[in-house]
Amino acid sequence: MISEDFSVELRSFSVKYPLFELEPLDLRLAAGERVALVGPNGAGKTTILRALAGRLPQYEGEVLFGGTEARALLPGLRNHVGVMPEQILRYDWMTVRQHFAFLAQFFAGWDRTYEADLTRKLEIPENALLGNLSGGTRAKVAFVSAEAFRPPLLLLDEPTAGLDPVMRRHLIDAVVESLDSDRRRLVLFSTHILEDVGWLAERVLVLRSGRLVKDRPVLDLCAARAPLSEVLFRLLSDE
């Protein structure tokens, strides 16, 4: 599935809930891109991530991976999409090593050597119990869980939420280094921390009230005579 022209597309994609509607959206994300998805709570960010992860079966329009509808790729889609959730799903009695061994059973491309390299680089104590880990270490474990099989599409849902600035930068540097080693891959991440956008993203999608209001390269936004975080805040607040 992974190729130089790998892409993900949303065509007339929309979702309706009783109290929320994501308006029809057309969007193309290409291999090699690092894309930030920003917006207030309830803007539709999680809905888009769930659809791309194959976890939202009810929607209008199309979700395409390399031209193939996502529904037609289930359940094998999980081998092409890595998901780093805001809260890691875990068995607290497992050690980190046991957790990775358990996950490796479900992903055809899981690379135990790469897993070990990431664990060492991020200074994750592999013999520690998941239930005893700090928030920052849990975030690093979640990243390895999503990355160890080198998925063509990596989805990060609020990856640095709750982390201190040093830990945030450490984790983002690990993400960038991993992805820069193979520019055929694509990452889409949601965040409320606007400063993180400049560290990780090359393109920004701004959602507000279920509608895409801006799709711009980070360099274009940085051309404004204001910090990137200030520019994004103005877009989010409709100033």
C-alpha atoms as a PDB file:
ATOM      1  CA  MET A   1       0.000   0.000   0.000  1.00  0.00           C
ATOM      2  CA  ILE A   2       2.798   2.452   0.776  1.00  0.00           C
ATOM      3  CA  SER A   3       4.181   4.184  -2.305  1.00  0.00           C
ATOM      4  CA  GLU A   4       5.649   7.480  -3.448  1.00  0.00           C
ATOM      5  CA  ASP A   5       2.189   8.657  -4.559  1.00  0.00           C
ATOM      6  CA  PHE A   6       0.316   7.341  -1.486  1.00  0.00           C
ATOM      7  CA  SER A   7      -2.496   9.675  -0.515  1.00  0.00           C
ATOM      8  CA  VAL A   8      -5.507   9.899   1.753  1.00  0.00           C
ATOM      9  CA  GLU A   9      -8.617  11.668   0.515  1.00  0.00           C
ATOM     10  CA  LEU A  10     -11.910  12.772   1.967  1.00  0.00           C
ATOM     11  CA  ARG A  11     -14.531  13.350  -0.735  1.00  0.00           C
ATOM     12  CA  SER A  12     -17.768  15.052   0.264  1.00  0.00           C
ATOM     13  CA  PHE A  13     -17.099  13.555   3.691  1.00  0.00           C
ATOM     14  CA  SER A  14     -19.655  14.494   6.325  1.00  0.00           C
ATOM     15  CA  VAL A  15     -21.012  13.156   9.613  1.00  0.00           C
ATOM     16  CA  LYS A  16     -24.204  14.039  11.439  1.00  0.00           C
ATOM     17  CA  TYR A  17     -24.742  13.561  15.161  1.00  0.00           C
ATOM     18  CA  PRO A  18     -27.811  14.701  17.122  1.00  0.00           C
ATOM     19  CA  LEU A  19     -26.021  17.829  18.353  1.00  0.00           C
ATOM     20  CA  PHE A  20     -23.227  18.245  15.804  1.00  0.00           C
ATOM     21  CA  GLU A  21     -22.667  18.156  12.061  1.00  0.00           C
ATOM     22  CA  LEU A  22     -19.359  18.001  10.231  1.00  0.00           C
ATOM     23  CA  GLU A  23     -20.080  19.808   6.991  1.00  0.00           C
ATOM     24  CA  PRO A  24     -19.141  18.138   3.664  1.00  0.00           C
ATOM     25  CA  LEU A  25     -15.372  18.181   3.401  1.00  0.00           C
ATOM     26  CA  ASP A  26     -13.020  17.616   0.471  1.00  0.00           C
ATOM     27  CA  LEU A  27      -9.406  17.106   1.478  1.00  0.00           C
ATOM     28  CA  ARG A  28      -6.305  15.424   0.111  1.00  0.00           C
ATOM     29  CA  LEU A  29      -3.277  14.510   2.223  1.00  0.00           C
ATOM     30  CA  ALA A  30      -0.169  13.272   0.432  1.00  0.00           C
ATOM     31  CA  ALA A  31       2.770  11.076   1.354  1.00  0.00           C
ATOM     32  CA  GLY A  32       5.545  12.999   3.069  1.00  0.00           C
ATOM     33  CA  GLU A  33       3.282  15.613   4.671  1.00  0.00           C
ATOM     34  CA  ARG A  34       3.155  16.528   8.357  1.00  0.00           C
ATOM     35  CA  VAL A  35      -0.270  18.072   8.929  1.00  0.00           C
ATOM     36  CA  ALA A  36      -1.745  19.700  12.047  1.00  0.00           C
ATOM     37  CA  LEU A  37      -5.468  19.640  12.739  1.00  0.00           C
ATOM     38  CA  VAL A  38      -6.432  22.466  15.094  1.00  0.00           C
ATOM     39  CA  GLY A  39      -9.721  23.692  16.425  1.00  0.00           C
ATOM     40  CA  PRO A  40     -11.719  24.080  19.641  1.00  0.00           C
ATOM     41  CA  ASN A  41     -13.469  21.179  21.326  1.00  0.00           C
ATOM     42  CA  GLY A  42     -16.386  19.985  19.248  1.00  0.00           C
ATOM     43  CA  ALA A  43     -14.964  21.278  15.970  1.00  0.00           C
ATOM     44  CA  GLY A  44     -14.774  17.826  14.346  1.00  0.00           C
ATOM     45  CA  LYS A  45     -11.103  16.879  14.804  1.00  0.00           C
ATOM     46  CA  THR A  46     -11.743  13.555  16.534  1.00  0.00           C
ATOM     47  CA  THR A  47     -14.419  12.661  13.983  1.00  0.00           C
ATOM     48  CA  ILE A  48     -11.897  12.999  11.149  1.00  0.00           C
ATOM     49  CA  LEU A  49      -9.249  10.998  13.003  1.00  0.00           C
ATOM     50  CA  ARG A  50     -11.715   8.212  13.805  1.00  0.00           C
ATOM     51  CA  ALA A  51     -12.791   7.987  10.160  1.00  0.00           C
ATOM     52  CA  LEU A  52      -9.196   7.749   8.954  1.00  0.00           C
ATOM     53  CA  ALA A  53      -8.493   5.082  11.578  1.00  0.00           C
ATOM     54  CA  GLY A  54     -11.384   2.975  10.286  1.00  0.00           C
ATOM     55  CA  ARG A  55     -13.315   3.433  13.517  1.00  0.00           C
ATOM     56  CA  LEU A  56     -16.238   5.455  12.183  1.00  0.00           C
ATOM     57  CA  PRO A  57     -18.311   3.265   9.868  1.00  0.00           C
ATOM     58  CA  GLN A  58     -21.256   5.660   9.569  1.00  0.00           C
ATOM     59  CA  TYR A  59     -20.474   8.655   7.358  1.00  0.00           C
ATOM     60  CA  GLU A  60     -21.514  10.244   4.093  1.00  0.00           C
ATOM     61  CA  GLY A  61     -19.105  10.557   1.165  1.00  0.00           C
ATOM     62  CA  GLU A  62     -15.840   8.693   0.773  1.00  0.00           C
ATOM     63  CA  VAL A  63     -12.641   8.071   2.733  1.00  0.00           C
ATOM     64  CA  LEU A  64      -9.991   6.888   0.275  1.00  0.00           C
ATOM     65  CA  PHE A  65      -6.576   5.316   0.867  1.00  0.00           C
ATOM     66  CA  GLY A  66      -4.561   5.268  -2.349  1.00  0.00           C
ATOM     67  CA  GLY A  67      -7.866   5.468  -4.221  1.00  0.00           C
ATOM     68  CA  THR A  68      -9.535   2.599  -2.301  1.00  0.00           C
ATOM     69  CA  GLU A  69     -12.499   3.210   0.006  1.00  0.00           C
ATOM     70  CA  ALA A  70     -11.609   2.648   3.662  1.00  0.00           C
ATOM     71  CA  ARG A  71     -14.576   0.330   4.250  1.00  0.00           C
ATOM     72  CA  ALA A  72     -13.216  -2.055   1.610  1.00  0.00           C
ATOM     73  CA  LEU A  73      -9.883  -2.257   3.462  1.00  0.00           C
ATOM     74  CA  LEU A  74     -11.318  -3.333   6.819  1.00  0.00           C
ATOM     75  CA  PRO A  75     -10.203  -5.076   8.965  1.00  0.00           C
ATOM     76  CA  GLY A  76      -6.719  -4.960   7.406  1.00  0.00           C
ATOM     77  CA  LEU A  77      -6.678  -1.158   7.495  1.00  0.00           C
ATOM     78  CA  ARG A  78      -5.109  -1.317  10.963  1.00  0.00           C
ATOM     79  CA  ASN A  79      -1.850  -2.509   9.365  1.00  0.00           C
ATOM     80  CA  HIS A  80      -1.613   0.778   7.446  1.00  0.00           C
ATOM     81  CA  VAL A  81      -2.723   3.261  10.109  1.00  0.00           C
ATOM     82  CA  GLY A  82      -0.958   3.870  13.421  1.00  0.00           C
ATOM     83  CA  VAL A  83      -3.025   5.626  16.077  1.00  0.00           C
ATOM     84  CA  MET A  84      -1.589   7.376  19.107  1.00  0.00           C
ATOM     85  CA  PRO A  85      -4.610   8.140  21.328  1.00  0.00           C
ATOM     86  CA  GLU A  86      -4.761  10.914  23.901  1.00  0.00           C
ATOM     87  CA  GLN A  87      -5.151   8.220  26.569  1.00  0.00           C
ATOM     88  CA  ILE A  88      -3.279   4.935  26.058  1.00  0.00           C
ATOM     89  CA  LEU A  89      -5.380   1.777  26.260  1.00  0.00           C
ATOM     90  CA  ARG A  90      -3.524  -0.550  28.582  1.00  0.00           C
ATOM     91  CA  TYR A  91      -3.510  -3.354  31.130  1.00  0.00           C
ATOM     92  CA  ASP A  92      -1.908  -1.783  34.185  1.00  0.00           C
ATOM     93  CA  TRP A  93      -0.481  -5.113  35.381  1.00  0.00           C
ATOM     94  CA  MET A  94       1.592  -5.517  32.188  1.00  0.00           C
ATOM     95  CA  THR A  95       5.157  -4.340  31.897  1.00  0.00           C
ATOM     96  CA  VAL A  96       6.055  -2.112  28.965  1.00  0.00           C
ATOM     97  CA  ARG A  97       7.803  -5.050  27.295  1.00  0.00           C
ATOM     98  CA  GLN A  98       4.723  -7.264  27.729  1.00  0.00           C
ATOM     99  CA  HIS A  99       2.506  -4.498  26.362  1.00  0.00           C
ATOM    100  CA  PHE A 100       4.561  -4.238  23.168  1.00  0.00           C
ATOM    101  CA  ALA A 101       4.703  -8.030  22.779  1.00  0.00           C
ATOM    102  CA  PHE A 102       0.926  -8.174  23.122  1.00  0.00           C
ATOM    103  CA  LEU A 103       0.386  -5.483  20.457  1.00  0.00           C
ATOM    104  CA  ALA A 104       2.901  -7.059  18.072  1.00  0.00           C
ATOM    105  CA  GLN A 105       0.523  -9.993  17.586  1.00  0.00           C
ATOM    106  CA  PHE A 106      -2.010  -7.758  15.836  1.00  0.00           C
ATOM    107  CA  PHE A 107       0.184  -5.885  13.336  1.00  0.00           C
ATOM    108  CA  ALA A 108       1.801  -7.703  10.420  1.00  0.00           C
ATOM    109  CA  GLY A 109       4.625  -5.207  10.041  1.00  0.00           C
ATOM    110  CA  TRP A 110       5.566  -4.800  13.707  1.00  0.00           C
ATOM    111  CA  ASP A 111       9.361  -4.487  13.911  1.00  0.00           C
ATOM    112  CA  ARG A 112      10.723  -5.669  17.264  1.00  0.00           C
ATOM    113  CA  THR A 113      14.173  -4.211  16.527  1.00  0.00           C
ATOM    114  CA  TYR A 114      12.669  -0.818  15.703  1.00  0.00           C
ATOM    115  CA  GLU A 115      10.501  -1.066  18.823  1.00  0.00           C
ATOM    116  CA  ALA A 116      13.631  -1.682  20.928  1.00  0.00           C
ATOM    117  CA  ASP A 117      15.467   1.222  19.279  1.00  0.00           C
ATOM    118  CA  LEU A 118      12.584   3.626  19.985  1.00  0.00           C
ATOM    119  CA  THR A 119      12.262   2.357  23.559  1.00  0.00           C
ATOM    120  CA  ARG A 120      15.957   2.968  24.181  1.00  0.00           C
ATOM    121  CA  LYS A 121      16.011   6.350  22.441  1.00  0.00           C
ATOM    122  CA  LEU A 122      12.996   7.590  24.420  1.00  0.00           C
ATOM    123  CA  GLU A 123      14.412   6.176  27.673  1.00  0.00           C
ATOM    124  CA  ILE A 124      11.321   4.088  28.386  1.00  0.00           C
ATOM    125  CA  PRO A 125      11.824   1.609  31.282  1.00  0.00           C
ATOM    126  CA  GLU A 126      10.668  -1.597  29.588  1.00  0.00           C
ATOM    127  CA  ASN A 127      10.382  -3.549  32.845  1.00  0.00           C
ATOM    128  CA  ALA A 128       8.148  -0.974  34.535  1.00  0.00           C
ATOM    129  CA  LEU A 129       4.441  -1.677  35.027  1.00  0.00           C
ATOM    130  CA  LEU A 130       2.165   0.397  32.803  1.00  0.00           C
ATOM    131  CA  GLY A 131       0.088   1.362  35.820  1.00  0.00           C
ATOM    132  CA  ASN A 132       3.126   2.949  37.501  1.00  0.00           C
ATOM    133  CA  LEU A 133       4.263   5.129  34.593  1.00  0.00           C
ATOM    134  CA  SER A 134       4.184   8.907  34.635  1.00  0.00           C
ATOM    135  CA  GLY A 135       2.019  10.755  32.132  1.00  0.00           C
ATOM    136  CA  GLY A 136       5.029  11.637  30.015  1.00  0.00           C
ATOM    137  CA  THR A 137       6.292   8.057  29.863  1.00  0.00           C
ATOM    138  CA  ARG A 138       2.801   6.782  29.014  1.00  0.00           C
ATOM    139  CA  ALA A 139       2.762   9.216  26.081  1.00  0.00           C
ATOM    140  CA  LYS A 140       6.079   7.827  24.852  1.00  0.00           C
ATOM    141  CA  VAL A 141       4.751   4.265  25.155  1.00  0.00           C
ATOM    142  CA  ALA A 142       1.681   5.304  23.153  1.00  0.00           C
ATOM    143  CA  PHE A 143       3.905   6.721  20.421  1.00  0.00           C
ATOM    144  CA  VAL A 144       5.966   3.531  20.156  1.00  0.00           C
ATOM    145  CA  SER A 145       2.723   1.531  20.071  1.00  0.00           C
ATOM    146  CA  ALA A 146       1.571   3.524  17.050  1.00  0.00           C
ATOM    147  CA  GLU A 147       4.945   3.747  15.293  1.00  0.00           C
ATOM    148  CA  ALA A 148       6.633   0.350  15.726  1.00  0.00           C
ATOM    149  CA  PHE A 149       5.150  -1.077  12.515  1.00  0.00           C
ATOM    150  CA  ARG A 150       5.985   2.062  10.466  1.00  0.00           C
ATOM    151  CA  PRO A 151       2.452   2.706   9.209  1.00  0.00           C
ATOM    152  CA  PRO A 152       2.026   4.771   6.011  1.00  0.00           C
ATOM    153  CA  LEU A 153      -0.417   6.977   7.957  1.00  0.00           C
ATOM    154  CA  LEU A 154       0.311   7.998  11.554  1.00  0.00           C
ATOM    155  CA  LEU A 155      -2.515   9.643  13.507  1.00  0.00           C
ATOM    156  CA  LEU A 156      -1.640  11.478  16.718  1.00  0.00           C
ATOM    157  CA  ASP A 157      -4.534  12.634  18.922  1.00  0.00           C
ATOM    158  CA  GLU A 158      -3.346  15.376  21.275  1.00  0.00           C
ATOM    159  CA  PRO A 159       0.087  13.703  21.559  1.00  0.00           C
ATOM    160  CA  THR A 160       1.573  16.196  24.032  1.00  0.00           C
ATOM    161  CA  ALA A 161      -1.474  16.923  26.199  1.00  0.00           C
ATOM    162  CA  GLY A 162      -0.493  17.175  29.848  1.00  0.00           C
ATOM    163  CA  LEU A 163       3.259  17.075  29.218  1.00  0.00           C
ATOM    164  CA  ASP A 164       5.728  19.680  30.426  1.00  0.00           C
ATOM    165  CA  PRO A 165       7.542  21.764  27.750  1.00  0.00           C
ATOM    166  CA  VAL A 166      10.759  19.702  27.854  1.00  0.00           C
ATOM    167  CA  MET A 167       8.913  16.391  27.523  1.00  0.00           C
ATOM    168  CA  ARG A 168       6.723  17.860  24.766  1.00  0.00           C
ATOM    169  CA  ARG A 169       9.747  18.844  22.702  1.00  0.00           C
ATOM    170  CA  HIS A 170      11.465  15.503  23.368  1.00  0.00           C
ATOM    171  CA  LEU A 171       8.451  13.575  22.095  1.00  0.00           C
ATOM    172  CA  ILE A 172       7.947  15.803  19.053  1.00  0.00           C
ATOM    173  CA  ASP A 173      11.627  15.492  18.107  1.00  0.00           C
ATOM    174  CA  ALA A 174      11.215  11.696  18.202  1.00  0.00           C
ATOM    175  CA  VAL A 175       8.174  11.915  15.915  1.00  0.00           C
ATOM    176  CA  VAL A 176       9.949  14.181  13.428  1.00  0.00           C
ATOM    177  CA  GLU A 177      13.091  12.041  13.367  1.00  0.00           C
ATOM    178  CA  SER A 178      11.094   8.863  12.803  1.00  0.00           C
ATOM    179  CA  LEU A 179       9.084  10.323   9.947  1.00  0.00           C
ATOM    180  CA  ASP A 180      11.961  12.143   8.279  1.00  0.00           C
ATOM    181  CA  SER A 181      13.702   8.800   7.827  1.00  0.00           C
ATOM    182  CA  ASP A 182      11.001   7.856   5.283  1.00  0.00           C
ATOM    183  CA  ARG A 183       9.327  10.776   3.546  1.00  0.00           C
ATOM    184  CA  ARG A 184       6.787   8.490   1.872  1.00  0.00           C
ATOM    185  CA  ARG A 185       4.835   8.471   5.135  1.00  0.00           C
ATOM    186  CA  LEU A 186       2.120  10.852   6.291  1.00  0.00           C
ATOM    187  CA  VAL A 187       1.304  12.167   9.764  1.00  0.00           C
ATOM    188  CA  LEU A 188      -1.859  13.963  10.851  1.00  0.00           C
ATOM    189  CA  PHE A 189      -2.057  15.212  14.417  1.00  0.00           C
ATOM    190  CA  SER A 190      -4.648  17.120  16.412  1.00  0.00           C
ATOM    191  CA  THR A 191      -3.607  19.529  19.121  1.00  0.00           C
ATOM    192  CA  HIS A 192      -4.831  22.338  21.355  1.00  0.00           C
ATOM    193  CA  ILE A 193      -1.233  23.422  22.016  1.00  0.00           C
ATOM    194  CA  LEU A 194      -0.632  25.922  19.242  1.00  0.00           C
ATOM    195  CA  GLU A 195       3.121  26.154  19.860  1.00  0.00           C
ATOM    196  CA  ASP A 196       3.453  22.462  18.898  1.00  0.00           C
ATOM    197  CA  VAL A 197       2.242  23.220  15.372  1.00  0.00           C
ATOM    198  CA  GLY A 198       5.427  25.088  14.495  1.00  0.00           C
ATOM    199  CA  TRP A 199       7.602  22.273  15.857  1.00  0.00           C
ATOM    200  CA  LEU A 200       5.950  19.426  13.978  1.00  0.00           C
ATOM    201  CA  ALA A 201       3.662  20.557  11.155  1.00  0.00           C
ATOM    202  CA  GLU A 202       4.298  21.785   7.634  1.00  0.00           C
ATOM    203  CA  ARG A 203       0.604  22.300   6.868  1.00  0.00           C
ATOM    204  CA  VAL A 204      -2.298  23.412   9.054  1.00  0.00           C
ATOM    205  CA  LEU A 205      -5.994  22.589   8.835  1.00  0.00           C
ATOM    206  CA  VAL A 206      -8.199  24.847  10.976  1.00  0.00           C
ATOM    207  CA  LEU A 207     -11.642  23.539  11.949  1.00  0.00           C
ATOM    208  CA  ARG A 208     -14.359  25.591  13.558  1.00  0.00           C
ATOM    209  CA  SER A 209     -17.934  24.459  14.281  1.00  0.00           C
ATOM    210  CA  GLY A 210     -17.731  21.488  11.939  1.00  0.00           C
ATOM    211  CA  ARG A 211     -16.311  23.444   9.032  1.00  0.00           C
ATOM    212  CA  LEU A 212     -12.813  23.658   7.528  1.00  0.00           C
ATOM    213  CA  VAL A 213     -12.013  27.377   7.587  1.00  0.00           C
ATOM    214  CA  LYS A 214      -8.334  27.325   6.627  1.00  0.00           C
ATOM    215  CA  ASP A 215      -5.883  24.988   4.888  1.00  0.00           C
ATOM    216  CA  ARG A 216      -2.476  26.609   4.609  1.00  0.00           C
ATOM    217  CA  PRO A 217       1.251  25.774   4.661  1.00  0.00           C
ATOM    218  CA  VAL A 218       2.904  26.718   7.943  1.00  0.00           C
ATOM    219  CA  LEU A 219       5.433  28.852   6.056  1.00  0.00           C
ATOM    220  CA  ASP A 220       2.609  31.005   4.678  1.00  0.00           C
ATOM    221  CA  LEU A 221       1.188  31.563   8.140  1.00  0.00           C
ATOM    222  CA  CYS A 222       4.641  32.322   9.505  1.00  0.00           C
ATOM    223  CA  ALA A 223       5.004  35.064   6.892  1.00  0.00           C
ATOM    224  CA  ALA A 224       2.572  37.158   8.915  1.00  0.00           C
ATOM    225  CA  ARG A 225       4.252  39.598  11.283  1.00  0.00           C
ATOM    226  CA  ALA A 226       3.108  37.728  14.376  1.00  0.00           C
ATOM    227  CA  PRO A 227       4.022  34.474  16.137  1.00  0.00           C
ATOM    228  CA  LEU A 228       2.449  31.391  14.560  1.00  0.00           C
ATOM    229  CA  SER A 229       0.505  30.667  17.746  1.00  0.00           C
ATOM    230  CA  GLU A 230      -1.019  34.160  17.597  1.00  0.00           C
ATOM    231  CA  VAL A 231      -1.996  33.741  13.940  1.00  0.00           C
ATOM    232  CA  LEU A 232      -3.681  30.422  14.711  1.00  0.00           C
ATOM    233  CA  PHE A 233      -5.466  31.893  17.724  1.00  0.00           C
ATOM    234  CA  ARG A 234      -6.950  34.615  15.542  1.00  0.00           C
ATOM    235  CA  LEU A 235      -8.147  32.029  13.014  1.00  0.00           C
ATOM    236  CA  LEU A 236      -9.732  29.958  15.769  1.00  0.00           C
ATOM    237  CA  SER A 237     -11.435  32.953  17.331  1.00  0.00           C
ATOM    238  CA  ASP A 238     -12.598  34.342  13.947  1.00  0.00           C
ATOM    239  CA  GLU A 239     -10.760  37.635  14.383  1.00  0.00           C
END
